[in-house]
Amino acid sequence: LNEMYVKVKTGPASKGKTGAAFKKNLTAAEVTWIAFRNTDSEVYGLSGGSDAFKLKKMIELTNNRTKQLKEWDDGAQEGDTCSGSIPFKG
């Protein structure tokens, strides 16, 4: 997760005139996501009555977030986004 986050934060969207805003908003989003992951996992663990439930949820959410960030790093299929936002897959 951390490696993919750094790749996205230093990738093409971080450059140019909107780069500073992108990096600031990405950081804010990641801090918020981590708080969500931790709270959601805690509640899930309480519902199952064990730390194993909590860990299972944390792993699931972390894997999903890593996949999402990887998609951002890979770029979008043509037509999936506004031109210039992120690079198109070739």
PDB file of N, CA and C in Angstrom:
ATOM      1  N   LEU A   1       0.830  -1.191   0.000  1.00  0.00           N
ATOM      2  CA  LEU A   1       0.000   0.000   0.000  1.00  0.00           C
ATOM      3  C   LEU A   1       0.874   1.254   0.000  1.00  0.00           C
ATOM      4  N   ASN A   2       1.845   1.304   0.887  1.00  0.00           N
ATOM      5  CA  ASN A   2       2.680   2.501   0.996  1.00  0.00           C
ATOM      6  C   ASN A   2       3.475   2.771  -0.279  1.00  0.00           C
ATOM      7  N   GLU A   3       4.016   1.710  -0.870  1.00  0.00           N
ATOM      8  CA  GLU A   3       4.779   1.881  -2.114  1.00  0.00           C
ATOM      9  C   GLU A   3       3.890   2.404  -3.235  1.00  0.00           C
ATOM     10  N   MET A   4       2.684   1.867  -3.346  1.00  0.00           N
ATOM     11  CA  MET A   4       1.769   2.306  -4.401  1.00  0.00           C
ATOM     12  C   MET A   4       1.327   3.751  -4.162  1.00  0.00           C
ATOM     13  N   TYR A   5       1.109   4.108  -2.913  1.00  0.00           N
ATOM     14  CA  TYR A   5       0.733   5.480  -2.570  1.00  0.00           C
ATOM     15  C   TYR A   5       1.825   6.455  -3.018  1.00  0.00           C
ATOM     16  N   VAL A   6       3.079   6.123  -2.743  1.00  0.00           N
ATOM     17  CA  VAL A   6       4.199   6.984  -3.141  1.00  0.00           C
ATOM     18  C   VAL A   6       4.274   7.091  -4.670  1.00  0.00           C
ATOM     19  N   LYS A   7       4.052   5.975  -5.369  1.00  0.00           N
ATOM     20  CA  LYS A   7       4.077   6.007  -6.837  1.00  0.00           C
ATOM     21  C   LYS A   7       3.010   6.950  -7.388  1.00  0.00           C
ATOM     22  N   VAL A   8       1.815   6.883  -6.823  1.00  0.00           N
ATOM     23  CA  VAL A   8       0.734   7.754  -7.286  1.00  0.00           C
ATOM     24  C   VAL A   8       1.047   9.212  -6.932  1.00  0.00           C
ATOM     25  N   LYS A   9       1.535   9.425  -5.726  1.00  0.00           N
ATOM     26  CA  LYS A   9       1.797  10.795  -5.262  1.00  0.00           C
ATOM     27  C   LYS A   9       2.917  11.474  -6.053  1.00  0.00           C
ATOM     28  N   THR A  10       3.823  10.699  -6.634  1.00  0.00           N
ATOM     29  CA  THR A  10       4.931  11.276  -7.397  1.00  0.00           C
ATOM     30  C   THR A  10       4.756  11.064  -8.902  1.00  0.00           C
ATOM     31  N   GLY A  11       3.626  10.495  -9.294  1.00  0.00           N
ATOM     32  CA  GLY A  11       3.368  10.189 -10.698  1.00  0.00           C
ATOM     33  C   GLY A  11       2.938  11.405 -11.505  1.00  0.00           C
ATOM     34  N   PRO A  12       2.447  11.173 -12.722  1.00  0.00           N
ATOM     35  CA  PRO A  12       2.095  12.251 -13.651  1.00  0.00           C
ATOM     36  C   PRO A  12       1.101  13.267 -13.102  1.00  0.00           C
ATOM     37  N   ALA A  13       0.126  12.815 -12.310  1.00  0.00           N
ATOM     38  CA  ALA A  13      -0.875  13.749 -11.790  1.00  0.00           C
ATOM     39  C   ALA A  13      -0.289  14.736 -10.786  1.00  0.00           C
ATOM     40  N   SER A  14       0.890  14.439 -10.253  1.00  0.00           N
ATOM     41  CA  SER A  14       1.508  15.318  -9.257  1.00  0.00           C
ATOM     42  C   SER A  14       2.299  16.452  -9.900  1.00  0.00           C
ATOM     43  N   LYS A  15       2.346  16.455 -11.200  1.00  0.00           N
ATOM     44  CA  LYS A  15       3.138  17.454 -11.912  1.00  0.00           C
ATOM     45  C   LYS A  15       2.222  18.468 -12.596  1.00  0.00           C
ATOM     46  N   GLY A  16       2.748  19.569 -12.983  1.00  0.00           N
ATOM     47  CA  GLY A  16       1.958  20.580 -13.681  1.00  0.00           C
ATOM     48  C   GLY A  16       1.232  21.508 -12.732  1.00  0.00           C
ATOM     49  N   LYS A  17       0.334  22.301 -13.296  1.00  0.00           N
ATOM     50  CA  LYS A  17      -0.301  23.367 -12.514  1.00  0.00           C
ATOM     51  C   LYS A  17      -1.263  22.852 -11.446  1.00  0.00           C
ATOM     52  N   THR A  18      -1.792  21.652 -11.571  1.00  0.00           N
ATOM     53  CA  THR A  18      -2.683  21.116 -10.542  1.00  0.00           C
ATOM     54  C   THR A  18      -1.966  20.140  -9.607  1.00  0.00           C
ATOM     55  N   GLY A  19      -0.671  19.968  -9.782  1.00  0.00           N
ATOM     56  CA  GLY A  19       0.090  19.001  -9.000  1.00  0.00           C
ATOM     57  C   GLY A  19       0.049  19.239  -7.505  1.00  0.00           C
ATOM     58  N   ALA A  20       0.204  20.474  -7.091  1.00  0.00           N
ATOM     59  CA  ALA A  20       0.212  20.769  -5.654  1.00  0.00           C
ATOM     60  C   ALA A  20      -1.139  20.431  -5.022  1.00  0.00           C
ATOM     61  N   ALA A  21      -2.217  20.800  -5.692  1.00  0.00           N
ATOM     62  CA  ALA A  21      -3.556  20.486  -5.177  1.00  0.00           C
ATOM     63  C   ALA A  21      -3.796  18.985  -5.165  1.00  0.00           C
ATOM     64  N   PHE A  22      -3.321  18.298  -6.200  1.00  0.00           N
ATOM     65  CA  PHE A  22      -3.473  16.846  -6.253  1.00  0.00           C
ATOM     66  C   PHE A  22      -2.784  16.195  -5.067  1.00  0.00           C
ATOM     67  N   LYS A  23      -1.531  16.560  -4.812  1.00  0.00           N
ATOM     68  CA  LYS A  23      -0.779  15.955  -3.716  1.00  0.00           C
ATOM     69  C   LYS A  23      -1.428  16.246  -2.362  1.00  0.00           C
ATOM     70  N   LYS A  24      -1.880  17.480  -2.172  1.00  0.00           N
ATOM     71  CA  LYS A  24      -2.527  17.859  -0.917  1.00  0.00           C
ATOM     72  C   LYS A  24      -3.806  17.047  -0.708  1.00  0.00           C
ATOM     73  N   ASN A  25      -4.619  16.945  -1.750  1.00  0.00           N
ATOM     74  CA  ASN A  25      -5.884  16.219  -1.643  1.00  0.00           C
ATOM     75  C   ASN A  25      -5.668  14.714  -1.517  1.00  0.00           C
ATOM     76  N   LEU A  26      -4.660  14.190  -2.214  1.00  0.00           N
ATOM     77  CA  LEU A  26      -4.358  12.764  -2.094  1.00  0.00           C
ATOM     78  C   LEU A  26      -3.928  12.431  -0.667  1.00  0.00           C
ATOM     79  N   THR A  27      -3.101  13.276  -0.080  1.00  0.00           N
ATOM     80  CA  THR A  27      -2.670  13.063   1.302  1.00  0.00           C
ATOM     81  C   THR A  27      -3.865  13.101   2.242  1.00  0.00           C
ATOM     82  N   ALA A  28      -4.735  14.090   2.076  1.00  0.00           N
ATOM     83  CA  ALA A  28      -5.929  14.187   2.922  1.00  0.00           C
ATOM     84  C   ALA A  28      -6.826  12.963   2.746  1.00  0.00           C
ATOM     85  N   ALA A  29      -6.972  12.507   1.513  1.00  0.00           N
ATOM     86  CA  ALA A  29      -7.800  11.330   1.242  1.00  0.00           C
ATOM     87  C   ALA A  29      -7.211  10.086   1.893  1.00  0.00           C
ATOM     88  N   GLU A  30      -5.892   9.964   1.841  1.00  0.00           N
ATOM     89  CA  GLU A  30      -5.246   8.773   2.408  1.00  0.00           C
ATOM     90  C   GLU A  30      -5.361   8.768   3.939  1.00  0.00           C
ATOM     91  N   VAL A  31      -5.199   9.926   4.569  1.00  0.00           N
ATOM     92  CA  VAL A  31      -5.346  10.022   6.025  1.00  0.00           C
ATOM     93  C   VAL A  31      -6.782   9.647   6.421  1.00  0.00           C
ATOM     94  N   THR A  32      -7.747  10.145   5.661  1.00  0.00           N
ATOM     95  CA  THR A  32      -9.148   9.835   5.929  1.00  0.00           C
ATOM     96  C   THR A  32      -9.427   8.359   5.698  1.00  0.00           C
ATOM     97  N   TRP A  33      -8.852   7.800   4.619  1.00  0.00           N
ATOM     98  CA  TRP A  33      -9.059   6.386   4.325  1.00  0.00           C
ATOM     99  C   TRP A  33      -8.483   5.503   5.441  1.00  0.00           C
ATOM    100  N   ILE A  34      -7.306   5.846   5.942  1.00  0.00           N
ATOM    101  CA  ILE A  34      -6.685   5.067   7.019  1.00  0.00           C
ATOM    102  C   ILE A  34      -7.573   5.091   8.271  1.00  0.00           C
ATOM    103  N   ALA A  35      -8.124   6.256   8.587  1.00  0.00           N
ATOM    104  CA  ALA A  35      -9.026   6.353   9.737  1.00  0.00           C
ATOM    105  C   ALA A  35     -10.260   5.481   9.513  1.00  0.00           C
ATOM    106  N   PHE A  36     -10.809   5.517   8.284  1.00  0.00           N
ATOM    107  CA  PHE A  36     -11.953   4.660   7.961  1.00  0.00           C
ATOM    108  C   PHE A  36     -11.591   3.181   8.099  1.00  0.00           C
ATOM    109  N   ARG A  37     -10.444   2.790   7.514  1.00  0.00           N
ATOM    110  CA  ARG A  37     -10.018   1.392   7.571  1.00  0.00           C
ATOM    111  C   ARG A  37      -9.912   0.917   9.013  1.00  0.00           C
ATOM    112  N   ASN A  38      -9.281   1.725   9.838  1.00  0.00           N
ATOM    113  CA  ASN A  38      -9.078   1.333  11.231  1.00  0.00           C
ATOM    114  C   ASN A  38     -10.401   1.214  11.991  1.00  0.00           C
ATOM    115  N   THR A  39     -11.287   2.184  11.803  1.00  0.00           N
ATOM    116  CA  THR A  39     -12.573   2.170  12.497  1.00  0.00           C
ATOM    117  C   THR A  39     -13.462   1.051  11.985  1.00  0.00           C
ATOM    118  N   ASP A  40     -13.526   0.894  10.672  1.00  0.00           N
ATOM    119  CA  ASP A  40     -14.353  -0.160  10.087  1.00  0.00           C
ATOM    120  C   ASP A  40     -13.874  -1.542  10.537  1.00  0.00           C
ATOM    121  N   SER A  41     -12.570  -1.715  10.570  1.00  0.00           N
ATOM    122  CA  SER A  41     -12.006  -2.999  10.999  1.00  0.00           C
ATOM    123  C   SER A  41     -12.295  -3.264  12.472  1.00  0.00           C
ATOM    124  N   GLU A  42     -12.222  -2.216  13.278  1.00  0.00           N
ATOM    125  CA  GLU A  42     -12.514  -2.357  14.709  1.00  0.00           C
ATOM    126  C   GLU A  42     -13.961  -2.815  14.906  1.00  0.00           C
ATOM    127  N   VAL A  43     -14.882  -2.183  14.213  1.00  0.00           N
ATOM    128  CA  VAL A  43     -16.295  -2.541  14.328  1.00  0.00           C
ATOM    129  C   VAL A  43     -16.529  -3.967  13.838  1.00  0.00           C
ATOM    130  N   TYR A  44     -15.893  -4.318  12.722  1.00  0.00           N
ATOM    131  CA  TYR A  44     -16.027  -5.673  12.184  1.00  0.00           C
ATOM    132  C   TYR A  44     -15.497  -6.691  13.191  1.00  0.00           C
ATOM    133  N   GLY A  45     -14.381  -6.371  13.812  1.00  0.00           N
ATOM    134  CA  GLY A  45     -13.817  -7.258  14.823  1.00  0.00           C
ATOM    135  C   GLY A  45     -14.744  -7.429  16.010  1.00  0.00           C
ATOM    136  N   LEU A  46     -15.361  -6.339  16.439  1.00  0.00           N
ATOM    137  CA  LEU A  46     -16.302  -6.411  17.553  1.00  0.00           C
ATOM    138  C   LEU A  46     -17.529  -7.243  17.193  1.00  0.00           C
ATOM    139  N   SER A  47     -17.971  -7.139  15.941  1.00  0.00           N
ATOM    140  CA  SER A  47     -19.149  -7.905  15.517  1.00  0.00           C
ATOM    141  C   SER A  47     -18.867  -9.402  15.504  1.00  0.00           C
ATOM    142  N   GLY A  48     -17.615  -9.769  15.246  1.00  0.00           N
ATOM    143  CA  GLY A  48     -17.248 -11.184  15.228  1.00  0.00           C
ATOM    144  C   GLY A  48     -16.666 -11.663  16.531  1.00  0.00           C
ATOM    145  N   GLY A  49     -16.379 -10.714  17.398  1.00  0.00           N
ATOM    146  CA  GLY A  49     -15.897 -11.073  18.721  1.00  0.00           C
ATOM    147  C   GLY A  49     -14.436 -11.472  18.797  1.00  0.00           C
ATOM    148  N   SER A  50     -13.625 -11.083  17.777  1.00  0.00           N
ATOM    149  CA  SER A  50     -12.222 -11.479  17.878  1.00  0.00           C
ATOM    150  C   SER A  50     -11.319 -10.535  17.095  1.00  0.00           C
ATOM    151  N   ASP A  51     -10.045 -10.543  17.481  1.00  0.00           N
ATOM    152  CA  ASP A  51      -9.043  -9.771  16.752  1.00  0.00           C
ATOM    153  C   ASP A  51      -8.809 -10.344  15.359  1.00  0.00           C
ATOM    154  N   ALA A  52      -9.071 -11.635  15.183  1.00  0.00           N
ATOM    155  CA  ALA A  52      -8.911 -12.251  13.863  1.00  0.00           C
ATOM    156  C   ALA A  52      -9.885 -11.640  12.863  1.00  0.00           C
ATOM    157  N   PHE A  53     -11.105 -11.349  13.295  1.00  0.00           N
ATOM    158  CA  PHE A  53     -12.077 -10.690  12.417  1.00  0.00           C
ATOM    159  C   PHE A  53     -11.568  -9.298  12.039  1.00  0.00           C
ATOM    160  N   LYS A  54     -11.040  -8.583  13.035  1.00  0.00           N
ATOM    161  CA  LYS A  54     -10.519  -7.237  12.786  1.00  0.00           C
ATOM    162  C   LYS A  54      -9.377  -7.288  11.772  1.00  0.00           C
ATOM    163  N   LEU A  55      -8.447  -8.200  11.953  1.00  0.00           N
ATOM    164  CA  LEU A  55      -7.313  -8.323  11.047  1.00  0.00           C
ATOM    165  C   LEU A  55      -7.767  -8.704   9.643  1.00  0.00           C
ATOM    166  N   LYS A  56      -8.727  -9.606   9.554  1.00  0.00           N
ATOM    167  CA  LYS A  56      -9.262 -10.013   8.250  1.00  0.00           C
ATOM    168  C   LYS A  56      -9.796  -8.803   7.491  1.00  0.00           C
ATOM    169  N   LYS A  57     -10.558  -7.961   8.173  1.00  0.00           N
ATOM    170  CA  LYS A  57     -11.136  -6.773   7.532  1.00  0.00           C
ATOM    171  C   LYS A  57     -10.048  -5.784   7.139  1.00  0.00           C
ATOM    172  N   MET A  58      -9.043  -5.582   7.997  1.00  0.00           N
ATOM    173  CA  MET A  58      -7.947  -4.661   7.670  1.00  0.00           C
ATOM    174  C   MET A  58      -7.204  -5.116   6.415  1.00  0.00           C
ATOM    175  N   ILE A  59      -6.955  -6.401   6.311  1.00  0.00           N
ATOM    176  CA  ILE A  59      -6.263  -6.942   5.138  1.00  0.00           C
ATOM    177  C   ILE A  59      -7.114  -6.748   3.886  1.00  0.00           C
ATOM    178  N   GLU A  60      -8.386  -7.054   3.989  1.00  0.00           N
ATOM    179  CA  GLU A  60      -9.295  -6.903   2.843  1.00  0.00           C
ATOM    180  C   GLU A  60      -9.335  -5.456   2.361  1.00  0.00           C
ATOM    181  N   LEU A  61      -9.532  -4.531   3.278  1.00  0.00           N
ATOM    182  CA  LEU A  61      -9.617  -3.116   2.904  1.00  0.00           C
ATOM    183  C   LEU A  61      -8.288  -2.606   2.350  1.00  0.00           C
ATOM    184  N   THR A  62      -7.181  -3.016   2.938  1.00  0.00           N
ATOM    185  CA  THR A  62      -5.861  -2.589   2.466  1.00  0.00           C
ATOM    186  C   THR A  62      -5.597  -3.118   1.063  1.00  0.00           C
ATOM    187  N   ASN A  63      -5.942  -4.368   0.804  1.00  0.00           N
ATOM    188  CA  ASN A  63      -5.767  -4.921  -0.545  1.00  0.00           C
ATOM    189  C   ASN A  63      -6.620  -4.180  -1.572  1.00  0.00           C
ATOM    190  N   ASN A  64      -7.856  -3.843  -1.198  1.00  0.00           N
ATOM    191  CA  ASN A  64      -8.723  -3.092  -2.109  1.00  0.00           C
ATOM    192  C   ASN A  64      -8.169  -1.699  -2.397  1.00  0.00           C
ATOM    193  N   ARG A  65      -7.666  -1.033  -1.376  1.00  0.00           N
ATOM    194  CA  ARG A  65      -7.110   0.312  -1.563  1.00  0.00           C
ATOM    195  C   ARG A  65      -5.847   0.256  -2.418  1.00  0.00           C
ATOM    196  N   THR A  66      -5.015  -0.739  -2.195  1.00  0.00           N
ATOM    197  CA  THR A  66      -3.807  -0.892  -3.007  1.00  0.00           C
ATOM    198  C   THR A  66      -4.173  -1.107  -4.468  1.00  0.00           C
ATOM    199  N   LYS A  67      -5.181  -1.916  -4.720  1.00  0.00           N
ATOM    200  CA  LYS A  67      -5.648  -2.150  -6.096  1.00  0.00           C
ATOM    201  C   LYS A  67      -6.155  -0.850  -6.721  1.00  0.00           C
ATOM    202  N   GLN A  68      -6.888  -0.071  -5.956  1.00  0.00           N
ATOM    203  CA  GLN A  68      -7.392   1.205  -6.462  1.00  0.00           C
ATOM    204  C   GLN A  68      -6.246   2.141  -6.825  1.00  0.00           C
ATOM    205  N   LEU A  69      -5.262   2.267  -5.952  1.00  0.00           N
ATOM    206  CA  LEU A  69      -4.122   3.132  -6.232  1.00  0.00           C
ATOM    207  C   LEU A  69      -3.332   2.623  -7.431  1.00  0.00           C
ATOM    208  N   LYS A  70      -3.227   1.310  -7.587  1.00  0.00           N
ATOM    209  CA  LYS A  70      -2.532   0.747  -8.742  1.00  0.00           C
ATOM    210  C   LYS A  70      -3.243   1.124 -10.030  1.00  0.00           C
ATOM    211  N   GLU A  71      -4.561   1.116 -10.017  1.00  0.00           N
ATOM    212  CA  GLU A  71      -5.324   1.526 -11.196  1.00  0.00           C
ATOM    213  C   GLU A  71      -5.029   2.987 -11.536  1.00  0.00           C
ATOM    214  N   TRP A  72      -4.889   3.827 -10.531  1.00  0.00           N
ATOM    215  CA  TRP A  72      -4.546   5.230 -10.777  1.00  0.00           C
ATOM    216  C   TRP A  72      -3.153   5.333 -11.376  1.00  0.00           C
ATOM    217  N   ASP A  73      -2.221   4.537 -10.857  1.00  0.00           N
ATOM    218  CA  ASP A  73      -0.852   4.555 -11.348  1.00  0.00           C
ATOM    219  C   ASP A  73      -0.773   4.023 -12.778  1.00  0.00           C
ATOM    220  N   ASP A  74      -1.572   3.021 -13.091  1.00  0.00           N
ATOM    221  CA  ASP A  74      -1.567   2.432 -14.433  1.00  0.00           C
ATOM    222  C   ASP A  74      -2.156   3.363 -15.476  1.00  0.00           C
ATOM    223  N   GLY A  75      -3.009   4.278 -15.068  1.00  0.00           N
ATOM    224  CA  GLY A  75      -3.684   5.153 -16.016  1.00  0.00           C
ATOM    225  C   GLY A  75      -5.055   4.594 -16.344  1.00  0.00           C
ATOM    226  N   ALA A  76      -5.796   5.346 -17.095  1.00  0.00           N
ATOM    227  CA  ALA A  76      -7.167   4.986 -17.426  1.00  0.00           C
ATOM    228  C   ALA A  76      -7.268   4.553 -18.883  1.00  0.00           C
ATOM    229  N   GLN A  77      -8.258   3.729 -19.158  1.00  0.00           N
ATOM    230  CA  GLN A  77      -8.550   3.390 -20.540  1.00  0.00           C
ATOM    231  C   GLN A  77      -9.063   4.652 -21.235  1.00  0.00           C
ATOM    232  N   GLU A  78      -8.762   4.790 -22.507  1.00  0.00           N
ATOM    233  CA  GLU A  78      -9.233   5.954 -23.247  1.00  0.00           C
ATOM    234  C   GLU A  78     -10.747   6.048 -23.119  1.00  0.00           C
ATOM    235  N   GLY A  79     -11.219   7.269 -22.834  1.00  0.00           N
ATOM    236  CA  GLY A  79     -12.642   7.507 -22.668  1.00  0.00           C
ATOM    237  C   GLY A  79     -13.111   7.406 -21.237  1.00  0.00           C
ATOM    238  N   ASP A  80     -12.258   6.925 -20.323  1.00  0.00           N
ATOM    239  CA  ASP A  80     -12.651   6.768 -18.933  1.00  0.00           C
ATOM    240  C   ASP A  80     -12.448   8.017 -18.099  1.00  0.00           C
ATOM    241  N   THR A  81     -11.781   9.006 -18.641  1.00  0.00           N
ATOM    242  CA  THR A  81     -11.483  10.193 -17.850  1.00  0.00           C
ATOM    243  C   THR A  81     -11.299  11.383 -18.775  1.00  0.00           C
ATOM    244  N   CYS A  82     -11.242  12.556 -18.213  1.00  0.00           N
ATOM    245  CA  CYS A  82     -11.000  13.758 -19.010  1.00  0.00           C
ATOM    246  C   CYS A  82      -9.560  13.742 -19.517  1.00  0.00           C
ATOM    247  N   SER A  83      -9.366  14.227 -20.707  1.00  0.00           N
ATOM    248  CA  SER A  83      -8.023  14.285 -21.275  1.00  0.00           C
ATOM    249  C   SER A  83      -7.122  15.121 -20.383  1.00  0.00           C
ATOM    250  N   GLY A  84      -5.945  14.608 -20.106  1.00  0.00           N
ATOM    251  CA  GLY A  84      -4.966  15.347 -19.319  1.00  0.00           C
ATOM    252  C   GLY A  84      -5.009  15.039 -17.831  1.00  0.00           C
ATOM    253  N   SER A  85      -6.042  14.345 -17.353  1.00  0.00           N
ATOM    254  CA  SER A  85      -6.145  14.046 -15.927  1.00  0.00           C
ATOM    255  C   SER A  85      -5.059  13.071 -15.503  1.00  0.00           C
ATOM    256  N   ILE A  86      -5.082  11.910 -16.120  1.00  0.00           N
ATOM    257  CA  ILE A  86      -4.085  10.874 -15.886  1.00  0.00           C
ATOM    258  C   ILE A  86      -3.784  10.230 -17.221  1.00  0.00           C
ATOM    259  N   PRO A  87      -2.649   9.609 -17.372  1.00  0.00           N
ATOM    260  CA  PRO A  87      -2.286   9.070 -18.673  1.00  0.00           C
ATOM    261  C   PRO A  87      -3.207   7.925 -19.105  1.00  0.00           C
ATOM    262  N   PHE A  88      -3.401   7.834 -20.411  1.00  0.00           N
ATOM    263  CA  PHE A  88      -4.182   6.724 -20.969  1.00  0.00           C
ATOM    264  C   PHE A  88      -3.323   5.486 -21.047  1.00  0.00           C
ATOM    265  N   LYS A  89      -3.947   4.330 -20.852  1.00  0.00           N
ATOM    266  CA  LYS A  89      -3.256   3.063 -21.076  1.00  0.00           C
ATOM    267  C   LYS A  89      -3.073   2.903 -22.571  1.00  0.00           C
ATOM    268  N   GLY A  90      -1.928   2.394 -22.972  1.00  0.00           N
ATOM    269  CA  GLY A  90      -1.632   2.279 -24.386  1.00  0.00           C
ATOM    270  C   GLY A  90      -2.006   1.037 -25.039  1.00  0.00           C
TER     271      GLY A  90
END
